Amino acid sequence: MKKVLAILMAGFGLMGLSGCATSAERAARQAEQAKKVTAALNERHYKIDVDNMYPLRGQARVVSFGYSVEVRNDSLFSYLPYFGRAYGVPYGGGKGLNFSAPIRSYQEQQMKQGVRRVEIGVTNEKDTYLYSIEVFDSGRASVDVQARQRDRISYTGEMDFEKD
């Protein structure tokens, strides 16, 4: 009986140690991910692949692979689907949120532990936009787009750290 009890105690002890190693590894991975996010934001060179969209009117939708918002130094590259009401746009809707433009204004602030907010103002030949991006240390992000000629729309996604 004592042998069985000793074996069980040793087994539980090993499981406890392996659990500690797993949480330590998880913490190290999270810290590494937070460093990547911080470096990308500081360099102003990052890409957010969107996976869901939330129009102002209507239902949320899952977005297929390939849509993204990218910041490269002083330019914004927007390739996003749009569903919503548009005001004063050309027949057929124009280019929507598919354009590249120089960044007019760029502000970044630390919101709370693990969350940074970036506000980017851009203007193209059709409209003026404000992109509000909240990026978490995990790499998850939410993107809110306000335009003068269109309803507001939001997206969620993940930072892509694959360098081109």
Protein backbone atom coordinates (compact mmCIF):
# COMPACT_ATOMS: atom_id res chain seq x y z
CA MET A 1 0.00 0.00 0.00
CA LYS A 2 2.84 2.38 0.85
CA LYS A 3 4.51 1.61 -2.50
CA VAL A 4 1.32 2.43 -4.41
CA LEU A 5 0.93 5.68 -2.47
CA ALA A 6 4.58 6.60 -3.12
CA ILE A 7 4.19 5.90 -6.85
CA LEU A 8 1.03 8.02 -7.01
CA MET A 9 2.70 10.89 -5.15
CA ALA A 10 5.71 10.75 -7.48
CA GLY A 11 3.39 10.75 -10.51
CA PHE A 12 1.47 13.79 -9.26
CA GLY A 13 4.75 15.54 -8.50
CA LEU A 14 5.99 14.98 -12.05
CA MET A 15 2.70 16.22 -13.50
CA GLY A 16 3.01 19.35 -11.35
CA LEU A 17 6.54 19.99 -12.57
CA SER A 18 5.54 19.50 -16.18
CA GLY A 19 2.65 21.94 -15.65
CA CYS A 20 5.11 24.54 -14.34
CA ALA A 21 7.36 24.04 -17.32
CA THR A 22 4.38 24.45 -19.64
CA SER A 23 3.28 27.71 -18.01
CA ALA A 24 6.87 29.00 -18.08
CA GLU A 25 7.12 28.13 -21.77
CA ARG A 26 3.77 29.82 -22.41
CA ALA A 27 4.94 32.97 -20.62
CA ALA A 28 8.14 32.99 -22.68
CA ARG A 29 6.15 32.64 -25.92
CA GLN A 30 3.83 35.46 -24.87
CA ALA A 31 6.78 37.70 -24.02
CA GLU A 32 8.40 36.96 -27.39
CA GLN A 33 5.13 37.73 -29.19
CA ALA A 34 4.80 41.04 -27.28
CA LYS A 35 8.35 41.98 -28.37
CA LYS A 36 7.46 41.29 -32.01
CA VAL A 37 4.32 43.44 -31.75
CA THR A 38 6.21 46.30 -30.11
CA ALA A 39 9.03 46.17 -32.66
CA ALA A 40 6.58 46.17 -35.60
CA LEU A 41 4.64 49.14 -34.21
CA ASN A 42 7.82 51.07 -33.42
CA GLU A 43 9.17 50.49 -36.95
CA ARG A 44 5.78 51.43 -38.47
CA HIS A 45 6.01 48.33 -40.60
CA TYR A 46 3.21 45.86 -39.93
CA LYS A 47 0.34 44.03 -41.55
CA ILE A 48 -2.97 42.96 -40.03
CA ASP A 49 -4.79 40.11 -41.76
CA VAL A 50 -8.51 40.49 -41.02
CA ASP A 51 -10.76 37.52 -40.32
CA ASN A 52 -14.09 39.11 -39.30
CA MET A 53 -15.98 42.27 -40.24
CA TYR A 54 -18.66 44.15 -38.34
CA PRO A 55 -20.69 46.57 -40.48
CA LEU A 56 -22.60 49.36 -38.74
CA ARG A 57 -25.83 47.97 -40.17
CA GLY A 58 -26.34 44.26 -40.63
CA GLN A 59 -24.71 41.10 -39.40
CA ALA A 60 -21.09 40.34 -38.68
CA ARG A 61 -19.37 38.31 -41.38
CA VAL A 62 -16.38 36.04 -41.61
CA VAL A 63 -13.82 37.37 -44.04
CA SER A 64 -12.00 35.06 -46.42
CA PHE A 65 -8.22 34.91 -46.52
CA GLY A 66 -6.38 37.73 -48.22
CA TYR A 67 -7.89 40.95 -46.81
CA SER A 68 -5.55 43.15 -44.81
CA VAL A 69 -4.40 46.57 -43.66
CA GLU A 70 -0.71 47.30 -43.93
CA VAL A 71 1.42 50.17 -42.69
CA ARG A 72 4.82 50.68 -44.30
CA ASN A 73 6.65 53.71 -42.96
CA ASP A 74 4.59 56.65 -44.28
CA SER A 75 1.99 54.77 -46.36
CA LEU A 76 -1.20 52.84 -45.64
CA PHE A 77 -2.24 49.93 -47.87
CA SER A 78 -5.89 49.07 -47.34
CA TYR A 79 -7.40 45.99 -48.93
CA LEU A 80 -10.67 45.51 -47.04
CA PRO A 81 -14.18 44.43 -48.00
CA TYR A 82 -16.95 46.94 -47.32
CA PHE A 83 -20.62 46.43 -46.55
CA GLY A 84 -22.66 49.43 -45.57
CA ARG A 85 -24.23 52.65 -46.72
CA ALA A 86 -22.16 54.97 -48.89
CA TYR A 87 -22.99 58.64 -49.49
CA GLY A 88 -21.88 60.63 -52.51
CA VAL A 89 -19.67 57.96 -54.06
CA PRO A 90 -19.39 57.16 -57.78
CA TYR A 91 -21.83 54.77 -59.42
CA GLY A 92 -20.85 51.22 -58.52
CA GLY A 93 -19.31 52.24 -55.20
CA GLY A 94 -15.86 53.25 -56.38
CA LYS A 95 -12.82 51.53 -54.93
CA GLY A 96 -14.29 51.23 -51.44
CA LEU A 97 -11.58 50.47 -48.92
CA ASN A 98 -9.12 49.13 -51.53
CA PHE A 99 -6.43 51.78 -51.93
CA SER A 100 -2.98 52.91 -50.91
CA ALA A 101 -2.31 56.43 -49.71
CA PRO A 102 0.30 58.45 -47.83
CA ILE A 103 -0.36 58.77 -44.11
CA ARG A 104 -1.51 62.27 -43.21
CA SER A 105 -1.48 61.77 -39.42
CA TYR A 106 -0.19 58.98 -37.17
CA GLN A 107 -0.71 58.86 -33.41
CA GLU A 108 0.10 56.00 -31.10
CA GLN A 109 -0.60 55.60 -27.40
CA GLN A 110 -0.46 52.92 -24.73
CA MET A 111 -4.06 52.30 -23.62
CA LYS A 112 -3.53 49.82 -20.79
CA GLN A 113 -1.18 46.96 -20.04
CA GLY A 114 -0.86 44.94 -23.24
CA VAL A 115 -2.91 47.21 -25.55
CA ARG A 116 -1.68 49.93 -27.90
CA ARG A 117 -3.92 52.18 -29.98
CA VAL A 118 -2.86 53.67 -33.32
CA GLU A 119 -4.88 56.32 -35.15
CA ILE A 120 -4.04 56.85 -38.79
CA GLY A 121 -5.51 59.57 -40.96
CA VAL A 122 -5.38 59.19 -44.76
CA THR A 123 -6.93 60.91 -47.72
CA ASN A 124 -7.28 59.62 -51.26
CA GLU A 125 -8.97 61.13 -54.32
CA LYS A 126 -12.43 59.95 -53.17
CA ASP A 127 -12.61 60.32 -49.37
CA THR A 128 -10.92 61.00 -46.03
CA TYR A 129 -10.49 58.11 -43.58
CA LEU A 130 -9.56 57.56 -39.95
CA TYR A 131 -8.23 54.08 -39.14
CA SER A 132 -8.28 53.33 -35.39
CA ILE A 133 -6.29 50.20 -34.65
CA GLU A 134 -6.02 48.52 -31.26
CA VAL A 135 -3.23 45.96 -31.08
CA PHE A 136 -2.85 43.51 -28.21
CA ASP A 137 0.46 41.99 -27.10
CA SER A 138 -0.82 38.64 -28.41
CA GLY A 139 -0.90 40.05 -31.97
CA ARG A 140 -4.70 40.21 -32.14
CA ALA A 141 -6.01 43.51 -33.45
CA SER A 142 -9.22 45.38 -34.06
CA VAL A 143 -9.51 47.92 -36.86
CA ASP A 144 -12.22 50.58 -36.95
CA VAL A 145 -12.61 52.62 -40.15
CA GLN A 146 -14.46 55.93 -40.29
CA ALA A 147 -14.95 57.69 -43.60
CA ARG A 148 -16.73 60.91 -44.48
CA GLN A 149 -18.67 59.32 -47.34
CA ARG A 150 -19.39 55.86 -45.84
CA ASP A 151 -20.80 54.27 -42.71
CA ARG A 152 -18.29 53.16 -40.08
CA ILE A 153 -17.12 49.54 -40.20
CA SER A 154 -14.94 47.44 -37.92
CA TYR A 155 -12.72 44.39 -38.40
CA THR A 156 -10.80 41.98 -36.22
CA GLY A 157 -7.66 40.13 -37.20
CA GLU A 158 -4.14 39.04 -36.43
CA MET A 159 -0.78 40.69 -37.04
CA ASP A 160 1.22 38.94 -39.74
CA PHE A 161 4.93 38.76 -38.88
CA GLU A 162 6.05 37.12 -42.14
CA LYS A 163 8.45 39.58 -43.76
CA ASP A 164 7.95 40.18 -47.47
